[in-house]
PDB file of N, CA and C in Angstrom:
ATOM      1  N   MET A   1      59.483  66.439 142.147  1.00  0.00           N
ATOM      2  CA  MET A   1      59.598  66.448 140.983  1.00  0.00           C
ATOM      3  C   MET A   1      59.408  65.059 140.569  1.00  0.00           C
ATOM      4  N   GLY A   2      58.102  65.244 139.694  1.00  0.00           N
ATOM      5  CA  GLY A   2      57.653  63.187 139.019  1.00  0.00           C
ATOM      6  C   GLY A   2      58.465  62.853 137.947  1.00  0.00           C
ATOM      7  N   ILE A   3      57.892  62.160 137.564  1.00  0.00           N
ATOM      8  CA  ILE A   3      58.292  60.967 136.150  1.00  0.00           C
ATOM      9  C   ILE A   3      57.855  61.938 134.990  1.00  0.00           C
ATOM     10  N   LEU A   4      56.584  62.743 135.051  1.00  0.00           N
ATOM     11  CA  LEU A   4      56.041  63.528 134.099  1.00  0.00           C
ATOM     12  C   LEU A   4      57.134  64.617 133.932  1.00  0.00           C
ATOM     13  N   ASP A   5      57.491  65.314 134.651  1.00  0.00           N
ATOM     14  CA  ASP A   5      58.591  66.399 135.104  1.00  0.00           C
ATOM     15  C   ASP A   5      59.804  65.892 134.250  1.00  0.00           C
ATOM     16  N   ASP A   6      60.324  65.006 134.528  1.00  0.00           N
ATOM     17  CA  ASP A   6      61.313  64.355 134.190  1.00  0.00           C
ATOM     18  C   ASP A   6      61.009  64.332 132.664  1.00  0.00           C
ATOM     19  N   ILE A   7      60.230  64.007 132.004  1.00  0.00           N
ATOM     20  CA  ILE A   7      59.689  63.706 130.502  1.00  0.00           C
ATOM     21  C   ILE A   7      59.740  65.104 129.930  1.00  0.00           C
ATOM     22  N   LYS A   8      59.184  65.850 130.740  1.00  0.00           N
ATOM     23  CA  LYS A   8      58.723  67.176 130.060  1.00  0.00           C
ATOM     24  C   LYS A   8      60.213  67.920 129.988  1.00  0.00           C
ATOM     25  N   LYS A   9      61.013  67.863 130.801  1.00  0.00           N
ATOM     26  CA  LYS A   9      62.181  68.394 130.775  1.00  0.00           C
ATOM     27  C   LYS A   9      63.376  67.862 129.492  1.00  0.00           C
ATOM     28  N   ALA A  10      63.005  66.865 129.510  1.00  0.00           N
ATOM     29  CA  ALA A  10      63.810  65.457 128.659  1.00  0.00           C
ATOM     30  C   ALA A  10      63.241  66.132 127.137  1.00  0.00           C
ATOM     31  N   ILE A  11      62.323  66.385 127.017  1.00  0.00           N
ATOM     32  CA  ILE A  11      62.032  66.946 125.516  1.00  0.00           C
ATOM     33  C   ILE A  11      61.549  68.432 125.343  1.00  0.00           C
ATOM     34  N   GLY A  12      62.070  69.168 126.423  1.00  0.00           N
ATOM     35  CA  GLY A  12      62.122  70.613 126.289  1.00  0.00           C
ATOM     36  C   GLY A  12      60.867  71.268 126.886  1.00  0.00           C
ATOM     37  N   LEU A  13      60.038  70.422 127.402  1.00  0.00           N
ATOM     38  CA  LEU A  13      58.437  71.246 127.622  1.00  0.00           C
ATOM     39  C   LEU A  13      58.832  72.095 128.903  1.00  0.00           C
ATOM     40  N   GLY A  14      59.852  71.258 129.777  1.00  0.00           N
ATOM     41  CA  GLY A  14      59.932  71.636 131.285  1.00  0.00           C
ATOM     42  C   GLY A  14      60.441  73.292 131.447  1.00  0.00           C
ATOM     43  N   GLU A  15      61.600  73.218 132.368  1.00  0.00           N
ATOM     44  CA  GLU A  15      62.220  74.260 132.573  1.00  0.00           C
ATOM     45  C   GLU A  15      62.957  74.963 131.130  1.00  0.00           C
ATOM     46  N   ALA A  16      62.609  76.411 131.182  1.00  0.00           N
ATOM     47  CA  ALA A  16      63.570  76.886 129.714  1.00  0.00           C
ATOM     48  C   ALA A  16      64.911  76.779 129.413  1.00  0.00           C
ATOM     49  N   LYS A  17      65.405  76.240 128.184  1.00  0.00           N
ATOM     50  CA  LYS A  17      66.747  76.386 128.414  1.00  0.00           C
ATOM     51  C   LYS A  17      67.209  77.341 127.694  1.00  0.00           C
ATOM     52  N   LYS A  18      68.100  77.440 127.948  1.00  0.00           N
ATOM     53  CA  LYS A  18      69.228  79.046 127.422  1.00  0.00           C
ATOM     54  C   LYS A  18      69.769  78.281 125.957  1.00  0.00           C
ATOM     55  N   ILE A  19      69.540  78.987 125.358  1.00  0.00           N
ATOM     56  CA  ILE A  19      69.916  78.891 123.594  1.00  0.00           C
ATOM     57  C   ILE A  19      71.007  80.060 123.585  1.00  0.00           C
ATOM     58  N   GLU A  20      72.174  79.889 123.501  1.00  0.00           N
ATOM     59  CA  GLU A  20      73.330  81.022 122.993  1.00  0.00           C
ATOM     60  C   GLU A  20      73.360  80.996 121.922  1.00  0.00           C
ATOM     61  N   ALA A  21      73.865  82.287 121.460  1.00  0.00           N
ATOM     62  CA  ALA A  21      74.249  82.615 119.811  1.00  0.00           C
ATOM     63  C   ALA A  21      75.706  81.752 119.527  1.00  0.00           C
ATOM     64  N   PRO A  22      76.034  81.307 118.398  1.00  0.00           N
ATOM     65  CA  PRO A  22      77.238  80.750 117.791  1.00  0.00           C
ATOM     66  C   PRO A  22      77.980  82.100 118.171  1.00  0.00           C
ATOM     67  N   LYS A  23      79.150  81.874 118.868  1.00  0.00           N
ATOM     68  CA  LYS A  23      80.332  82.955 119.213  1.00  0.00           C
ATOM     69  C   LYS A  23      81.596  82.877 117.987  1.00  0.00           C
ATOM     70  N   SER A  24      81.719  84.095 117.480  1.00  0.00           N
ATOM     71  CA  SER A  24      82.333  84.536 116.362  1.00  0.00           C
ATOM     72  C   SER A  24      83.878  84.145 116.876  1.00  0.00           C
ATOM     73  N   ASN A  25      84.716  83.761 115.970  1.00  0.00           N
ATOM     74  CA  ASN A  25      85.593  83.712 116.175  1.00  0.00           C
ATOM     75  C   ASN A  25      86.643  85.017 116.663  1.00  0.00           C
ATOM     76  N   LYS A  26      86.457  85.638 116.140  1.00  0.00           N
ATOM     77  CA  LYS A  26      87.251  87.091 115.966  1.00  0.00           C
ATOM     78  C   LYS A  26      86.095  88.106 115.731  1.00  0.00           C
ATOM     79  N   SER A  27      86.007  89.361 116.564  1.00  0.00           N
ATOM     80  CA  SER A  27      85.354  90.316 116.166  1.00  0.00           C
ATOM     81  C   SER A  27      86.101  91.303 114.961  1.00  0.00           C
ATOM     82  N   LYS A  28      85.350  91.696 113.990  1.00  0.00           N
ATOM     83  CA  LYS A  28      85.979  92.614 113.028  1.00  0.00           C
ATOM     84  C   LYS A  28      86.504  93.507 113.325  1.00  0.00           C
ATOM     85  N   LYS A  29      87.533  94.472 113.298  1.00  0.00           N
ATOM     86  CA  LYS A  29      87.624  95.726 114.137  1.00  0.00           C
ATOM     87  C   LYS A  29      88.034  96.386 112.754  1.00  0.00           C
ATOM     88  N   SER A  30      87.490  97.837 112.972  1.00  0.00           N
ATOM     89  CA  SER A  30      87.970  98.376 111.487  1.00  0.00           C
ATOM     90  C   SER A  30      89.233  99.063 111.821  1.00  0.00           C
ATOM     91  N   ALA A  31      89.785  99.635 110.353  1.00  0.00           N
ATOM     92  CA  ALA A  31      91.027 100.287 109.869  1.00  0.00           C
ATOM     93  C   ALA A  31      91.143 101.381 111.164  1.00  0.00           C
ATOM     94  N   LYS A  32      90.421 101.866 111.477  1.00  0.00           N
ATOM     95  CA  LYS A  32      90.468 103.250 112.773  1.00  0.00           C
ATOM     96  C   LYS A  32      90.919 102.332 113.995  1.00  0.00           C
ATOM     97  N   GLU A  33      89.974 101.019 114.629  1.00  0.00           N
ATOM     98  CA  GLU A  33      90.165 100.778 115.971  1.00  0.00           C
ATOM     99  C   GLU A  33      91.527 100.132 115.506  1.00  0.00           C
ATOM    100  N   ILE A  34      92.080  99.341 114.948  1.00  0.00           N
ATOM    101  CA  ILE A  34      93.099  98.615 114.507  1.00  0.00           C
ATOM    102  C   ILE A  34      94.430  99.635 114.475  1.00  0.00           C
ATOM    103  N   ALA A  35      94.355 100.936 114.041  1.00  0.00           N
ATOM    104  CA  ALA A  35      95.451 101.843 114.017  1.00  0.00           C
ATOM    105  C   ALA A  35      95.589 102.376 115.483  1.00  0.00           C
ATOM    106  N   THR A  36      94.724 102.728 115.873  1.00  0.00           N
ATOM    107  CA  THR A  36      94.121 103.278 117.238  1.00  0.00           C
ATOM    108  C   THR A  36      94.810 102.001 118.427  1.00  0.00           C
ATOM    109  N   LYS A  37      94.391 100.928 118.437  1.00  0.00           N
ATOM    110  CA  LYS A  37      95.338 100.200 118.947  1.00  0.00           C
ATOM    111  C   LYS A  37      96.715 100.155 119.290  1.00  0.00           C
ATOM    112  N   LYS A  38      97.457 100.124 117.711  1.00  0.00           N
ATOM    113  CA  LYS A  38      98.781 100.084 117.435  1.00  0.00           C
ATOM    114  C   LYS A  38      99.022 101.362 117.711  1.00  0.00           C
ATOM    115  N   GLY A  39      98.301 102.781 117.946  1.00  0.00           N
ATOM    116  CA  GLY A  39      99.299 103.836 118.302  1.00  0.00           C
ATOM    117  C   GLY A  39      99.381 104.457 117.132  1.00  0.00           C
ATOM    118  N   ASN A  40      98.887 104.318 115.855  1.00  0.00           N
ATOM    119  CA  ASN A  40      98.909 104.710 114.689  1.00  0.00           C
ATOM    120  C   ASN A  40      98.287 105.560 114.479  1.00  0.00           C
ATOM    121  N   PRO A  41      99.042 106.929 113.441  1.00  0.00           N
ATOM    122  CA  PRO A  41      97.816 107.818 112.904  1.00  0.00           C
ATOM    123  C   PRO A  41      96.771 107.339 111.976  1.00  0.00           C
ATOM    124  N   TYR A  42      95.582 107.757 111.732  1.00  0.00           N
ATOM    125  CA  TYR A  42      94.524 107.226 111.213  1.00  0.00           C
ATOM    126  C   TYR A  42      93.872 108.524 110.479  1.00  0.00           C
ATOM    127  N   VAL A  43      93.559 108.384 109.489  1.00  0.00           N
ATOM    128  CA  VAL A  43      92.790 109.657 108.684  1.00  0.00           C
ATOM    129  C   VAL A  43      92.005 109.015 107.647  1.00  0.00           C
ATOM    130  N   GLU A  44      90.664 109.277 107.356  1.00  0.00           N
ATOM    131  CA  GLU A  44      90.209 108.709 106.203  1.00  0.00           C
ATOM    132  C   GLU A  44      89.091 109.573 105.152  1.00  0.00           C
ATOM    133  N   VAL A  45      89.134 109.412 103.923  1.00  0.00           N
ATOM    134  CA  VAL A  45      87.461 109.983 103.498  1.00  0.00           C
ATOM    135  C   VAL A  45      86.403 109.203 103.668  1.00  0.00           C
ATOM    136  N   ILE A  46      85.639 109.862 104.582  1.00  0.00           N
ATOM    137  CA  ILE A  46      84.410 108.629 104.617  1.00  0.00           C
ATOM    138  C   ILE A  46      83.048 109.370 103.795  1.00  0.00           C
ATOM    139  N   GLY A  47      82.984 110.410 103.014  1.00  0.00           N
ATOM    140  CA  GLY A  47      82.074 110.717 102.612  1.00  0.00           C
ATOM    141  C   GLY A  47      82.407 111.851 101.881  1.00  0.00           C
ATOM    142  N   LEU A  48      81.697 112.046 100.356  1.00  0.00           N
ATOM    143  CA  LEU A  48      81.849 113.177  99.542  1.00  0.00           C
ATOM    144  C   LEU A  48      80.470 113.701  99.003  1.00  0.00           C
ATOM    145  N   ASP A  49      80.283 114.984  99.219  1.00  0.00           N
ATOM    146  CA  ASP A  49      79.418 115.797  98.731  1.00  0.00           C
ATOM    147  C   ASP A  49      79.200 116.435  97.467  1.00  0.00           C
ATOM    148  N   LEU A  50      79.072 116.624  96.509  1.00  0.00           N
ATOM    149  CA  LEU A  50      79.365 117.359  95.452  1.00  0.00           C
ATOM    150  C   LEU A  50      77.721 117.720  94.815  1.00  0.00           C
ATOM    151  N   ASP A  51      78.091 119.075  94.212  1.00  0.00           N
ATOM    152  CA  ASP A  51      76.968 120.048  93.504  1.00  0.00           C
ATOM    153  C   ASP A  51      76.618 119.473  92.286  1.00  0.00           C
ATOM    154  N   PRO A  52      75.727 118.616  92.161  1.00  0.00           N
ATOM    155  CA  PRO A  52      75.099 118.305  90.755  1.00  0.00           C
ATOM    156  C   PRO A  52      75.097 118.882  89.748  1.00  0.00           C
ATOM    157  N   ASN A  53      75.256 120.510  89.670  1.00  0.00           N
ATOM    158  CA  ASN A  53      75.678 121.631  88.633  1.00  0.00           C
ATOM    159  C   ASN A  53      76.430 121.963  88.790  1.00  0.00           C
ATOM    160  N   ASN A  54      77.729 121.670  89.761  1.00  0.00           N
ATOM    161  CA  ASN A  54      79.014 122.150  89.355  1.00  0.00           C
ATOM    162  C   ASN A  54      79.792 120.995  90.159  1.00  0.00           C
ATOM    163  N   PRO A  55      80.198 119.935  89.733  1.00  0.00           N
ATOM    164  CA  PRO A  55      80.907 119.106  90.484  1.00  0.00           C
ATOM    165  C   PRO A  55      82.420 119.522  91.101  1.00  0.00           C
ATOM    166  N   GLY A  56      82.762 120.784  90.291  1.00  0.00           N
ATOM    167  CA  GLY A  56      84.196 121.575  91.045  1.00  0.00           C
ATOM    168  C   GLY A  56      83.510 121.818  92.408  1.00  0.00           C
ATOM    169  N   ASN A  57      82.650 122.259  92.862  1.00  0.00           N
ATOM    170  CA  ASN A  57      82.063 122.272  93.985  1.00  0.00           C
ATOM    171  C   ASN A  57      81.806 121.338  94.895  1.00  0.00           C
ATOM    172  N   GLY A  58      82.219 121.196  96.082  1.00  0.00           N
ATOM    173  CA  GLY A  58      81.977 119.913  97.109  1.00  0.00           C
ATOM    174  C   GLY A  58      82.628 119.744  98.319  1.00  0.00           C
ATOM    175  N   ALA A  59      82.046 119.130  99.093  1.00  0.00           N
ATOM    176  CA  ALA A  59      82.911 118.650 100.382  1.00  0.00           C
ATOM    177  C   ALA A  59      83.606 117.361 100.742  1.00  0.00           C
ATOM    178  N   PHE A  60      83.923 116.977 101.496  1.00  0.00           N
ATOM    179  CA  PHE A  60      85.090 115.687 101.819  1.00  0.00           C
ATOM    180  C   PHE A  60      84.213 115.764 103.604  1.00  0.00           C
ATOM    181  N   GLU A  61      84.165 114.363 104.293  1.00  0.00           N
ATOM    182  CA  GLU A  61      83.710 114.352 105.074  1.00  0.00           C
ATOM    183  C   GLU A  61      85.412 113.222 105.483  1.00  0.00           C
ATOM    184  N   LEU A  62      85.509 113.559 106.602  1.00  0.00           N
ATOM    185  CA  LEU A  62      86.879 112.976 107.005  1.00  0.00           C
ATOM    186  C   LEU A  62      87.038 112.076 108.341  1.00  0.00           C
ATOM    187  N   ASP A  63      87.147 111.158 108.664  1.00  0.00           N
ATOM    188  CA  ASP A  63      87.155 110.406 109.645  1.00  0.00           C
ATOM    189  C   ASP A  63      88.703 110.563 110.313  1.00  0.00           C
ATOM    190  N   TRP A  64      89.033 110.601 111.470  1.00  0.00           N
ATOM    191  CA  TRP A  64      90.170 110.249 112.238  1.00  0.00           C
ATOM    192  C   TRP A  64      90.476 110.100 113.675  1.00  0.00           C
ATOM    193  N   ASN A  65      91.634 109.338 113.856  1.00  0.00           N
ATOM    194  CA  ASN A  65      92.067 109.501 115.527  1.00  0.00           C
ATOM    195  C   ASN A  65      93.193 110.404 115.884  1.00  0.00           C
ATOM    196  N   ASP A  66      93.106 110.238 117.423  1.00  0.00           N
ATOM    197  CA  ASP A  66      93.429 110.806 118.132  1.00  0.00           C
ATOM    198  C   ASP A  66      95.591 111.551 118.147  1.00  0.00           C
ATOM    199  N   GLU A  67      95.640 109.946 117.626  1.00  0.00           N
ATOM    200  CA  GLU A  67      97.096 110.130 117.140  1.00  0.00           C
ATOM    201  C   GLU A  67      97.254 110.883 115.784  1.00  0.00           C
ATOM    202  N   PHE A  68      96.243 110.931 115.191  1.00  0.00           N
ATOM    203  CA  PHE A  68      96.263 111.766 113.996  1.00  0.00           C
ATOM    204  C   PHE A  68      96.592 113.479 114.146  1.00  0.00           C
ATOM    205  N   ILE A  69      95.690 113.533 115.410  1.00  0.00           N
ATOM    206  CA  ILE A  69      96.048 114.957 115.855  1.00  0.00           C
ATOM    207  C   ILE A  69      97.246 115.222 116.109  1.00  0.00           C
ATOM    208  N   LYS A  70      97.690 114.428 116.759  1.00  0.00           N
ATOM    209  CA  LYS A  70      98.919 114.813 117.705  1.00  0.00           C
ATOM    210  C   LYS A  70     100.042 114.627 116.447  1.00  0.00           C
ATOM    211  N   ARG A  71     100.045 113.877 115.466  1.00  0.00           N
ATOM    212  CA  ARG A  71     101.123 114.092 114.694  1.00  0.00           C
ATOM    213  C   ARG A  71     100.982 115.408 113.863  1.00  0.00           C
ATOM    214  N   LEU A  72      99.548 115.773 113.795  1.00  0.00           N
ATOM    215  CA  LEU A  72      99.440 117.088 112.976  1.00  0.00           C
ATOM    216  C   LEU A  72      99.940 118.428 114.208  1.00  0.00           C
ATOM    217  N   TRP A  73      99.641 118.307 115.583  1.00  0.00           N
ATOM    218  CA  TRP A  73     100.204 119.457 116.423  1.00  0.00           C
ATOM    219  C   TRP A  73     101.565 119.184 116.168  1.00  0.00           C
ATOM    220  N   LYS A  74     102.446 118.278 116.297  1.00  0.00           N
ATOM    221  CA  LYS A  74     103.810 117.692 116.174  1.00  0.00           C
ATOM    222  C   LYS A  74     104.407 118.625 115.053  1.00  0.00           C
ATOM    223  N   ALA A  75     103.803 118.515 114.136  1.00  0.00           N
ATOM    224  CA  ALA A  75     103.916 119.247 112.709  1.00  0.00           C
ATOM    225  C   ALA A  75     103.923 120.701 112.562  1.00  0.00           C
ATOM    226  N   GLY A  76     103.142 121.463 113.424  1.00  0.00           N
ATOM    227  CA  GLY A  76     102.920 122.669 113.781  1.00  0.00           C
ATOM    228  C   GLY A  76     101.460 123.176 113.626  1.00  0.00           C
ATOM    229  N   TYR A  77     100.590 122.804 113.077  1.00  0.00           N
ATOM    230  CA  TYR A  77      99.122 122.826 112.949  1.00  0.00           C
ATOM    231  C   TYR A  77      98.782 122.803 114.696  1.00  0.00           C
ATOM    232  N   LYS A  78      99.012 124.203 115.493  1.00  0.00           N
ATOM    233  CA  LYS A  78      98.861 124.618 116.765  1.00  0.00           C
ATOM    234  C   LYS A  78      97.196 125.043 117.050  1.00  0.00           C
ATOM    235  N   ASP A  79      96.138 124.940 116.217  1.00  0.00           N
ATOM    236  CA  ASP A  79      95.167 125.394 116.439  1.00  0.00           C
ATOM    237  C   ASP A  79      94.535 124.684 117.480  1.00  0.00           C
ATOM    238  N   GLU A  80      93.596 124.917 118.535  1.00  0.00           N
ATOM    239  CA  GLU A  80      93.119 123.907 119.944  1.00  0.00           C
ATOM    240  C   GLU A  80      92.036 123.015 119.061  1.00  0.00           C
ATOM    241  N   ASN A  81      91.282 123.440 118.302  1.00  0.00           N
ATOM    242  CA  ASN A  81      90.217 122.948 117.960  1.00  0.00           C
ATOM    243  C   ASN A  81      90.352 121.839 116.882  1.00  0.00           C
ATOM    244  N   GLU A  82      90.427 120.298 117.211  1.00  0.00           N
ATOM    245  CA  GLU A  82      90.842 119.521 116.314  1.00  0.00           C
ATOM    246  C   GLU A  82      90.001 119.766 114.739  1.00  0.00           C
ATOM    247  N   HIS A  83      88.586 120.135 114.949  1.00  0.00           N
ATOM    248  CA  HIS A  83      88.598 120.332 113.327  1.00  0.00           C
ATOM    249  C   HIS A  83      88.768 121.360 112.541  1.00  0.00           C
ATOM    250  N   ASP A  84      89.722 122.018 113.082  1.00  0.00           N
ATOM    251  CA  ASP A  84      90.457 123.405 112.929  1.00  0.00           C
ATOM    252  C   ASP A  84      91.266 122.672 111.991  1.00  0.00           C
ATOM    253  N   VAL A  85      92.050 122.276 113.011  1.00  0.00           N
ATOM    254  CA  VAL A  85      93.459 121.283 112.624  1.00  0.00           C
ATOM    255  C   VAL A  85      93.372 120.160 111.321  1.00  0.00           C
ATOM    256  N   ILE A  86      92.196 120.005 111.331  1.00  0.00           N
ATOM    257  CA  ILE A  86      92.019 119.011 110.021  1.00  0.00           C
ATOM    258  C   ILE A  86      91.467 119.977 109.072  1.00  0.00           C
ATOM    259  N   ASP A  87      90.951 120.970 109.119  1.00  0.00           N
ATOM    260  CA  ASP A  87      90.656 121.288 108.061  1.00  0.00           C
ATOM    261  C   ASP A  87      92.157 122.320 107.402  1.00  0.00           C
ATOM    262  N   ARG A  88      92.865 122.903 108.607  1.00  0.00           N
ATOM    263  CA  ARG A  88      93.814 123.460 107.713  1.00  0.00           C
ATOM    264  C   ARG A  88      94.785 122.663 107.481  1.00  0.00           C
ATOM    265  N   TRP A  89      95.091 121.429 107.651  1.00  0.00           N
ATOM    266  CA  TRP A  89      95.680 120.585 107.292  1.00  0.00           C
ATOM    267  C   TRP A  89      95.062 120.318 105.541  1.00  0.00           C
ATOM    268  N   PHE A  90      94.017 119.692 105.373  1.00  0.00           N
ATOM    269  CA  PHE A  90      93.323 119.199 104.367  1.00  0.00           C
ATOM    270  C   PHE A  90      93.346 120.464 103.293  1.00  0.00           C
ATOM    271  N   GLN A  91      92.943 121.652 103.859  1.00  0.00           N
ATOM    272  CA  GLN A  91      93.765 122.944 102.873  1.00  0.00           C
ATOM    273  C   GLN A  91      95.008 122.988 102.431  1.00  0.00           C
ATOM    274  N   ASP A  92      95.839 122.697 103.356  1.00  0.00           N
ATOM    275  CA  ASP A  92      97.245 122.582 102.444  1.00  0.00           C
ATOM    276  C   ASP A  92      97.410 121.253 101.647  1.00  0.00           C
ATOM    277  N   VAL A  93      96.945 119.938 101.753  1.00  0.00           N
ATOM    278  CA  VAL A  93      97.002 118.879 101.196  1.00  0.00           C
ATOM    279  C   VAL A  93      96.149 119.974  99.517  1.00  0.00           C
ATOM    280  N   CYS A  94      95.214 120.224  99.770  1.00  0.00           N
ATOM    281  CA  CYS A  94      94.684 120.870  98.115  1.00  0.00           C
ATOM    282  C   CYS A  94      95.431 121.471  97.769  1.00  0.00           C
ATOM    283  N   ARG A  95      95.738 122.888  98.565  1.00  0.00           N
ATOM    284  CA  ARG A  95      96.658 123.651  97.767  1.00  0.00           C
ATOM    285  C   ARG A  95      97.848 123.120  97.410  1.00  0.00           C
ATOM    286  N   ASN A  96      98.712 122.202  98.098  1.00  0.00           N
ATOM    287  CA  ASN A  96      99.654 121.550  97.301  1.00  0.00           C
ATOM    288  C   ASN A  96      99.468 120.479  95.937  1.00  0.00           C
ATOM    289  N   ILE A  97      98.674 119.932  96.015  1.00  0.00           N
ATOM    290  CA  ILE A  97      98.178 119.388  94.553  1.00  0.00           C
ATOM    291  C   ILE A  97      97.635 120.562  93.542  1.00  0.00           C
ATOM    292  N   VAL A  98      97.459 121.766  94.257  1.00  0.00           N
ATOM    293  CA  VAL A  98      96.983 122.684  92.968  1.00  0.00           C
ATOM    294  C   VAL A  98      98.471 122.959  92.369  1.00  0.00           C
ATOM    295  N   LEU A  99      99.592 123.620  93.499  1.00  0.00           N
ATOM    296  CA  LEU A  99     100.725 123.996  93.107  1.00  0.00           C
ATOM    297  C   LEU A  99     101.299 122.557  92.110  1.00  0.00           C
ATOM    298  N   GLU A 100     101.034 121.834  92.317  1.00  0.00           N
ATOM    299  CA  GLU A 100     102.017 120.607  91.871  1.00  0.00           C
ATOM    300  C   GLU A 100     101.610 120.524  90.676  1.00  0.00           C
ATOM    301  N   THR A 101     100.202 120.788  90.262  1.00  0.00           N
ATOM    302  CA  THR A 101      99.740 120.659  88.618  1.00  0.00           C
ATOM    303  C   THR A 101      99.846 121.871  88.266  1.00  0.00           C
ATOM    304  N   TYR A 102     100.124 122.897  88.712  1.00  0.00           N
ATOM    305  CA  TYR A 102     100.293 124.578  87.902  1.00  0.00           C
ATOM    306  C   TYR A 102     101.558 124.204  87.866  1.00  0.00           C
ATOM    307  N   GLU A 103     102.839 123.732  88.810  1.00  0.00           N
ATOM    308  CA  GLU A 103     104.273 123.548  88.157  1.00  0.00           C
ATOM    309  C   GLU A 103     104.484 122.491  87.265  1.00  0.00           C
ATOM    310  N   LYS A 104     103.848 121.482  87.007  1.00  0.00           N
ATOM    311  CA  LYS A 104     103.842 120.823  85.746  1.00  0.00           C
ATOM    312  C   LYS A 104     103.506 121.389  84.821  1.00  0.00           C
ATOM    313  N   GLU A 105     102.335 122.133  84.904  1.00  0.00           N
ATOM    314  CA  GLU A 105     102.026 122.983  83.456  1.00  0.00           C
ATOM    315  C   GLU A 105     102.820 124.223  83.008  1.00  0.00           C
ATOM    316  N   GLN A 106     103.424 124.727  84.136  1.00  0.00           N
ATOM    317  CA  GLN A 106     104.420 125.593  83.752  1.00  0.00           C
ATOM    318  C   GLN A 106     105.654 124.846  83.225  1.00  0.00           C
ATOM    319  N   ALA A 107     106.087 123.483  83.113  1.00  0.00           N
ATOM    320  CA  ALA A 107     107.235 123.029  82.921  1.00  0.00           C
ATOM    321  C   ALA A 107     106.904 122.685  81.392  1.00  0.00           C
ATOM    322  N   MET A 108     105.489 122.301  81.099  1.00  0.00           N
ATOM    323  CA  MET A 108     105.706 122.004  79.796  1.00  0.00           C
ATOM    324  C   MET A 108     105.488 123.518  78.693  1.00  0.00           C
ATOM    325  N   VAL A 109     105.576 124.946  79.493  1.00  0.00           N
ATOM    326  CA  VAL A 109     105.279 125.856  78.618  1.00  0.00           C
ATOM    327  C   VAL A 109     106.879 125.925  78.233  1.00  0.00           C
ATOM    328  N   THR A 110     107.191 126.373  76.814  1.00  0.00           N
ATOM    329  CA  THR A 110     108.587 126.245  75.964  1.00  0.00           C
ATOM    330  C   THR A 110     108.694 128.093  75.767  1.00  0.00           C
ATOM    331  N   ARG A 111     109.886 128.333  75.882  1.00  0.00           N
ATOM    332  CA  ARG A 111     109.958 129.833  75.233  1.00  0.00           C
ATOM    333  C   ARG A 111     110.921 129.741  73.956  1.00  0.00           C
ATOM    334  N   ASN A 112     110.370 130.660  73.353  1.00  0.00           N
ATOM    335  CA  ASN A 112     111.469 130.575  72.168  1.00  0.00           C
ATOM    336  C   ASN A 112     111.607 131.948  71.740  1.00  0.00           C
ATOM    337  N   ASP A 113     112.992 132.452  71.564  1.00  0.00           N
ATOM    338  CA  ASP A 113     113.549 134.186  71.367  1.00  0.00           C
ATOM    339  C   ASP A 113     113.286 134.259  70.006  1.00  0.00           C
ATOM    340  N   LEU A 114     112.486 135.151  69.829  1.00  0.00           N
ATOM    341  CA  LEU A 114     112.168 135.740  68.418  1.00  0.00           C
ATOM    342  C   LEU A 114     113.042 136.910  67.755  1.00  0.00           C
ATOM    343  N   GLY A 115     113.929 137.283  68.848  1.00  0.00           N
ATOM    344  CA  GLY A 115     114.689 138.122  68.451  1.00  0.00           C
ATOM    345  C   GLY A 115     113.956 139.908  68.373  1.00  0.00           C
ATOM    346  N   ASP A 116     114.860 140.739  68.758  1.00  0.00           N
ATOM    347  CA  ASP A 116     114.217 142.336  68.844  1.00  0.00           C
ATOM    348  C   ASP A 116     113.416 142.193  70.090  1.00  0.00           C
ATOM    349  N   GLY A 117     113.454 141.265  71.026  1.00  0.00           N
ATOM    350  CA  GLY A 117     112.873 141.658  72.571  1.00  0.00           C
ATOM    351  C   GLY A 117     111.899 140.661  72.747  1.00  0.00           C
ATOM    352  N   ARG A 118     111.642 139.852  71.714  1.00  0.00           N
ATOM    353  CA  ARG A 118     110.217 139.274  71.533  1.00  0.00           C
ATOM    354  C   ARG A 118     110.450 137.912  71.474  1.00  0.00           C
ATOM    355  N   SER A 119     109.290 137.089  72.353  1.00  0.00           N
ATOM    356  CA  SER A 119     109.631 135.735  72.400  1.00  0.00           C
ATOM    357  C   SER A 119     108.324 135.248  72.595  1.00  0.00           C
ATOM    358  N   GLU A 120     108.427 133.900  72.260  1.00  0.00           N
ATOM    359  CA  GLU A 120     107.036 132.874  71.837  1.00  0.00           C
ATOM    360  C   GLU A 120     107.014 132.070  72.696  1.00  0.00           C
ATOM    361  N   TYR A 121     105.983 131.770  73.565  1.00  0.00           N
ATOM    362  CA  TYR A 121     105.821 130.602  74.166  1.00  0.00           C
ATOM    363  C   TYR A 121     104.678 129.612  73.532  1.00  0.00           C
ATOM    364  N   LYS A 122     104.898 128.571  74.008  1.00  0.00           N
ATOM    365  CA  LYS A 122     104.031 127.176  73.548  1.00  0.00           C
ATOM    366  C   LYS A 122     104.181 126.238  74.348  1.00  0.00           C
TER     367      LYS A 122
END
């Protein structure tokens, strides 16, 4: 190697220099990754599709980890397919919301006895 080669190398014209990307201090993990690593159940609504003509019709897209499925199996959801387990669980959650709302509405109804076997409901 001659003097010219030494000069080229010194100013970066010789051998290719390896440039490393700056290292991030910590890679950011998702909530699902964190829960899974800790062995905790995880479920999240990650999408929602609504019928623009009838917003009462729609669909939810859910994401979950294996620990959540295990907890559902332990709680009595015995379907083999995890999608069926999630579907039954989500239907139960929705059903309970509807029943709770119905019970609250019923609690607001008052009955007045008008006599002669007649009643008034408000």
